Amino acid sequence: MEKGMLSADLEGLPEEDKHRMATLIDQLQIRDSLRMYNSLVERCFTDCVDTFYRKALTKQEDTCVRRCAEKFLKHSMRVGMRFAELNQGAATQD
């Protein structure tokens, strides 16, 4: 969430409450980032890693993990952009 949007939405609140809300929003964003990262790791590992004969990934596994991570991140970015578009459209209708 943008800090400017946060300020406008919380304009009538006391400073202490604004600070609490900003802290809460930051914590939620960190939590969501960690969830996305964990989901990425779990999904790509499950889909790509087949053997445990070596410490390092095989070339095929490495390529698979890289492609998987790239797709996951591109998809997440696109979903985020689409959500922002929809959110902005909803805000202008108010």
N, C-alpha and C. Protein backbone atom coordinates (compact mmCIF):
# COMPACT_ATOMS: atom_id res chain seq x y z
N MET A 1 0.85 -1.17 0.00
CA MET A 1 0.00 0.00 0.00
C MET A 1 0.89 1.23 0.00
N GLU A 2 0.52 2.22 -0.76
CA GLU A 2 1.32 3.43 -0.83
C GLU A 2 1.10 4.26 0.42
N LYS A 3 2.15 4.91 0.86
CA LYS A 3 2.07 5.74 2.07
C LYS A 3 1.10 6.90 1.86
N GLY A 4 1.02 7.44 0.64
CA GLY A 4 0.10 8.53 0.35
C GLY A 4 -1.35 8.11 0.50
N MET A 5 -1.66 6.92 0.02
CA MET A 5 -3.02 6.39 0.17
C MET A 5 -3.32 6.15 1.64
N LEU A 6 -2.36 5.66 2.38
CA LEU A 6 -2.52 5.41 3.81
C LEU A 6 -2.83 6.71 4.53
N SER A 7 -2.10 7.76 4.22
CA SER A 7 -2.31 9.05 4.88
C SER A 7 -3.71 9.59 4.61
N ALA A 8 -4.16 9.50 3.37
CA ALA A 8 -5.47 10.01 3.01
C ALA A 8 -6.58 9.21 3.69
N ASP A 9 -6.43 7.90 3.77
CA ASP A 9 -7.45 7.06 4.36
C ASP A 9 -7.53 7.21 5.87
N LEU A 10 -6.45 7.58 6.51
CA LEU A 10 -6.40 7.66 7.97
C LEU A 10 -6.36 9.10 8.48
N GLU A 11 -6.74 10.03 7.65
CA GLU A 11 -6.59 11.44 7.95
C GLU A 11 -7.22 11.86 9.28
N GLY A 12 -8.37 11.32 9.62
CA GLY A 12 -9.07 11.76 10.83
C GLY A 12 -8.59 11.11 12.11
N LEU A 13 -7.66 10.19 12.03
CA LEU A 13 -7.19 9.47 13.22
C LEU A 13 -6.08 10.22 13.94
N PRO A 14 -5.97 9.99 15.23
CA PRO A 14 -4.84 10.57 15.97
C PRO A 14 -3.51 9.98 15.47
N GLU A 15 -2.42 10.70 15.69
CA GLU A 15 -1.11 10.27 15.21
C GLU A 15 -0.71 8.89 15.73
N GLU A 16 -1.03 8.61 16.97
CA GLU A 16 -0.68 7.31 17.55
C GLU A 16 -1.37 6.17 16.80
N ASP A 17 -2.64 6.37 16.45
CA ASP A 17 -3.38 5.35 15.70
C ASP A 17 -2.86 5.21 14.27
N LYS A 18 -2.48 6.33 13.68
CA LYS A 18 -1.90 6.29 12.33
C LYS A 18 -0.62 5.46 12.34
N HIS A 19 0.21 5.70 13.36
CA HIS A 19 1.47 4.97 13.48
C HIS A 19 1.20 3.48 13.67
N ARG A 20 0.24 3.14 14.52
CA ARG A 20 -0.12 1.73 14.75
C ARG A 20 -0.59 1.07 13.46
N MET A 21 -1.43 1.77 12.71
CA MET A 21 -1.94 1.22 11.45
C MET A 21 -0.81 1.03 10.43
N ALA A 22 0.08 2.00 10.35
CA ALA A 22 1.21 1.89 9.42
C ALA A 22 2.09 0.71 9.79
N THR A 23 2.32 0.51 11.08
CA THR A 23 3.12 -0.62 11.54
C THR A 23 2.43 -1.93 11.21
N LEU A 24 1.14 -2.00 11.44
CA LEU A 24 0.37 -3.21 11.14
C LEU A 24 0.41 -3.53 9.65
N ILE A 25 0.25 -2.52 8.82
CA ILE A 25 0.29 -2.72 7.37
C ILE A 25 1.68 -3.22 6.94
N ASP A 26 2.72 -2.65 7.51
CA ASP A 26 4.09 -3.11 7.19
C ASP A 26 4.26 -4.57 7.58
N GLN A 27 3.77 -4.95 8.75
CA GLN A 27 3.87 -6.33 9.21
C GLN A 27 3.10 -7.27 8.29
N LEU A 28 1.93 -6.87 7.85
CA LEU A 28 1.13 -7.69 6.93
C LEU A 28 1.84 -7.86 5.59
N GLN A 29 2.48 -6.80 5.11
CA GLN A 29 3.20 -6.89 3.85
C GLN A 29 4.40 -7.83 3.97
N ILE A 30 5.10 -7.78 5.09
CA ILE A 30 6.22 -8.69 5.32
C ILE A 30 5.71 -10.13 5.38
N ARG A 31 4.63 -10.35 6.10
CA ARG A 31 4.05 -11.69 6.21
C ARG A 31 3.66 -12.23 4.83
N ASP A 32 3.02 -11.39 4.03
CA ASP A 32 2.61 -11.81 2.70
C ASP A 32 3.81 -12.10 1.80
N SER A 33 4.87 -11.31 1.92
CA SER A 33 6.08 -11.56 1.14
C SER A 33 6.71 -12.89 1.52
N LEU A 34 6.76 -13.18 2.81
CA LEU A 34 7.32 -14.45 3.27
C LEU A 34 6.46 -15.63 2.80
N ARG A 35 5.16 -15.46 2.83
CA ARG A 35 4.28 -16.52 2.35
C ARG A 35 4.50 -16.78 0.86
N MET A 36 4.64 -15.71 0.10
CA MET A 36 4.87 -15.88 -1.34
C MET A 36 6.21 -16.58 -1.58
N TYR A 37 7.24 -16.17 -0.86
CA TYR A 37 8.55 -16.79 -1.01
C TYR A 37 8.48 -18.28 -0.64
N ASN A 38 7.85 -18.60 0.48
CA ASN A 38 7.75 -19.99 0.89
C ASN A 38 6.96 -20.82 -0.11
N SER A 39 5.92 -20.25 -0.65
CA SER A 39 5.12 -20.94 -1.66
C SER A 39 5.95 -21.21 -2.91
N LEU A 40 6.73 -20.21 -3.31
CA LEU A 40 7.61 -20.36 -4.47
C LEU A 40 8.62 -21.48 -4.26
N VAL A 41 9.27 -21.47 -3.12
CA VAL A 41 10.28 -22.49 -2.83
C VAL A 41 9.66 -23.88 -2.81
N GLU A 42 8.55 -24.01 -2.11
CA GLU A 42 7.90 -25.32 -2.00
C GLU A 42 7.45 -25.84 -3.36
N ARG A 43 6.82 -24.99 -4.12
CA ARG A 43 6.30 -25.43 -5.42
C ARG A 43 7.42 -25.81 -6.38
N CYS A 44 8.42 -24.96 -6.49
CA CYS A 44 9.51 -25.23 -7.44
C CYS A 44 10.34 -26.43 -7.00
N PHE A 45 10.57 -26.57 -5.71
CA PHE A 45 11.32 -27.71 -5.22
C PHE A 45 10.56 -29.00 -5.52
N THR A 46 9.27 -29.01 -5.20
CA THR A 46 8.45 -30.21 -5.43
C THR A 46 8.39 -30.57 -6.91
N ASP A 47 8.25 -29.57 -7.76
CA ASP A 47 8.11 -29.82 -9.20
C ASP A 47 9.44 -30.18 -9.88
N CYS A 48 10.54 -29.70 -9.35
CA CYS A 48 11.80 -29.79 -10.10
C CYS A 48 12.85 -30.74 -9.54
N VAL A 49 12.88 -30.93 -8.25
CA VAL A 49 13.95 -31.73 -7.66
C VAL A 49 13.51 -33.18 -7.56
N ASP A 50 14.25 -34.05 -8.26
CA ASP A 50 13.87 -35.46 -8.35
C ASP A 50 14.75 -36.39 -7.53
N THR A 51 16.00 -36.04 -7.39
CA THR A 51 16.94 -36.95 -6.73
C THR A 51 17.73 -36.23 -5.65
N PHE A 52 18.31 -37.01 -4.77
CA PHE A 52 19.14 -36.47 -3.71
C PHE A 52 20.50 -37.17 -3.70
N TYR A 53 20.98 -37.54 -4.88
CA TYR A 53 22.26 -38.22 -4.99
C TYR A 53 23.45 -37.28 -4.80
N ARG A 54 23.23 -35.99 -5.02
CA ARG A 54 24.30 -35.00 -4.94
C ARG A 54 23.87 -33.85 -4.06
N LYS A 55 24.85 -33.09 -3.59
CA LYS A 55 24.54 -31.88 -2.81
C LYS A 55 23.96 -30.79 -3.71
N ALA A 56 24.48 -30.71 -4.91
CA ALA A 56 24.07 -29.66 -5.85
C ALA A 56 22.96 -30.18 -6.77
N LEU A 57 22.22 -29.25 -7.31
CA LEU A 57 21.19 -29.62 -8.28
C LEU A 57 21.84 -30.08 -9.58
N THR A 58 21.16 -30.98 -10.28
CA THR A 58 21.62 -31.34 -11.62
C THR A 58 21.32 -30.16 -12.54
N LYS A 59 21.91 -30.17 -13.72
CA LYS A 59 21.68 -29.08 -14.67
C LYS A 59 20.19 -28.98 -15.01
N GLN A 60 19.55 -30.12 -15.20
CA GLN A 60 18.12 -30.14 -15.54
C GLN A 60 17.29 -29.58 -14.38
N GLU A 61 17.61 -29.97 -13.15
CA GLU A 61 16.89 -29.46 -11.99
C GLU A 61 17.09 -27.96 -11.84
N ASP A 62 18.32 -27.50 -12.03
CA ASP A 62 18.63 -26.08 -11.92
C ASP A 62 17.83 -25.27 -12.93
N THR A 63 17.80 -25.75 -14.17
CA THR A 63 17.04 -25.06 -15.22
C THR A 63 15.56 -25.03 -14.87
N CYS A 64 15.05 -26.15 -14.39
CA CYS A 64 13.63 -26.24 -14.01
C CYS A 64 13.31 -25.25 -12.88
N VAL A 65 14.16 -25.19 -11.86
CA VAL A 65 13.92 -24.28 -10.73
C VAL A 65 13.94 -22.83 -11.21
N ARG A 66 14.89 -22.50 -12.06
CA ARG A 66 14.98 -21.12 -12.56
C ARG A 66 13.72 -20.74 -13.35
N ARG A 67 13.29 -21.63 -14.23
CA ARG A 67 12.08 -21.35 -15.03
C ARG A 67 10.84 -21.27 -14.14
N CYS A 68 10.75 -22.17 -13.19
CA CYS A 68 9.62 -22.18 -12.26
C CYS A 68 9.56 -20.87 -11.47
N ALA A 69 10.68 -20.45 -10.93
CA ALA A 69 10.72 -19.21 -10.15
C ALA A 69 10.38 -18.01 -11.02
N GLU A 70 10.90 -17.98 -12.22
CA GLU A 70 10.60 -16.88 -13.14
C GLU A 70 9.11 -16.80 -13.45
N LYS A 71 8.51 -17.94 -13.76
CA LYS A 71 7.08 -17.97 -14.05
C LYS A 71 6.26 -17.54 -12.84
N PHE A 72 6.63 -18.06 -11.68
CA PHE A 72 5.91 -17.73 -10.46
C PHE A 72 5.96 -16.23 -10.19
N LEU A 73 7.14 -15.63 -10.30
CA LEU A 73 7.29 -14.20 -10.03
C LEU A 73 6.57 -13.35 -11.07
N LYS A 74 6.64 -13.75 -12.34
CA LYS A 74 5.92 -13.00 -13.38
C LYS A 74 4.42 -13.06 -13.14
N HIS A 75 3.94 -14.24 -12.77
CA HIS A 75 2.51 -14.40 -12.49
C HIS A 75 2.10 -13.53 -11.28
N SER A 76 2.91 -13.56 -10.24
CA SER A 76 2.60 -12.77 -9.04
C SER A 76 2.60 -11.27 -9.36
N MET A 77 3.55 -10.83 -10.16
CA MET A 77 3.59 -9.43 -10.54
C MET A 77 2.36 -9.05 -11.35
N ARG A 78 1.96 -9.91 -12.27
CA ARG A 78 0.79 -9.63 -13.10
C ARG A 78 -0.48 -9.57 -12.26
N VAL A 79 -0.62 -10.50 -11.34
CA VAL A 79 -1.79 -10.50 -10.45
C VAL A 79 -1.80 -9.21 -9.62
N GLY A 80 -0.63 -8.82 -9.10
CA GLY A 80 -0.54 -7.59 -8.32
C GLY A 80 -0.90 -6.36 -9.14
N MET A 81 -0.44 -6.31 -10.38
CA MET A 81 -0.77 -5.17 -11.25
C MET A 81 -2.27 -5.14 -11.54
N ARG A 82 -2.83 -6.30 -11.80
CA ARG A 82 -4.27 -6.38 -12.09
C ARG A 82 -5.09 -5.97 -10.87
N PHE A 83 -4.67 -6.42 -9.70
CA PHE A 83 -5.35 -6.04 -8.47
C PHE A 83 -5.30 -4.53 -8.28
N ALA A 84 -4.14 -3.93 -8.53
CA ALA A 84 -3.99 -2.48 -8.39
C ALA A 84 -4.90 -1.75 -9.38
N GLU A 85 -5.01 -2.27 -10.61
CA GLU A 85 -5.90 -1.67 -11.60
C GLU A 85 -7.34 -1.71 -11.13
N LEU A 86 -7.76 -2.87 -10.65
CA LEU A 86 -9.13 -3.02 -10.16
C LEU A 86 -9.39 -2.15 -8.94
N ASN A 87 -8.42 -2.07 -8.05
CA ASN A 87 -8.54 -1.26 -6.84
C ASN A 87 -8.63 0.22 -7.20
N GLN A 88 -7.84 0.64 -8.19
CA GLN A 88 -7.86 2.03 -8.62
C GLN A 88 -9.21 2.36 -9.28
N GLY A 89 -9.72 1.43 -10.08
CA GLY A 89 -11.02 1.62 -10.72
C GLY A 89 -12.14 1.71 -9.70
N ALA A 90 -12.06 0.91 -8.66
CA ALA A 90 -13.08 0.95 -7.60
C ALA A 90 -13.01 2.26 -6.83
N ALA A 91 -11.79 2.77 -6.63
CA ALA A 91 -11.61 4.02 -5.90
C ALA A 91 -12.18 5.21 -6.67
N THR A 92 -12.07 5.18 -8.00
CA THR A 92 -12.57 6.30 -8.79
C THR A 92 -14.10 6.28 -8.91
N GLN A 93 -14.71 5.12 -8.65
CA GLN A 93 -16.16 5.02 -8.72
C GLN A 93 -16.83 5.55 -7.46
N ASP A 94 -16.08 5.68 -6.37
CA ASP A 94 -16.65 6.18 -5.10
C ASP A 94 -17.01 7.62 -5.17
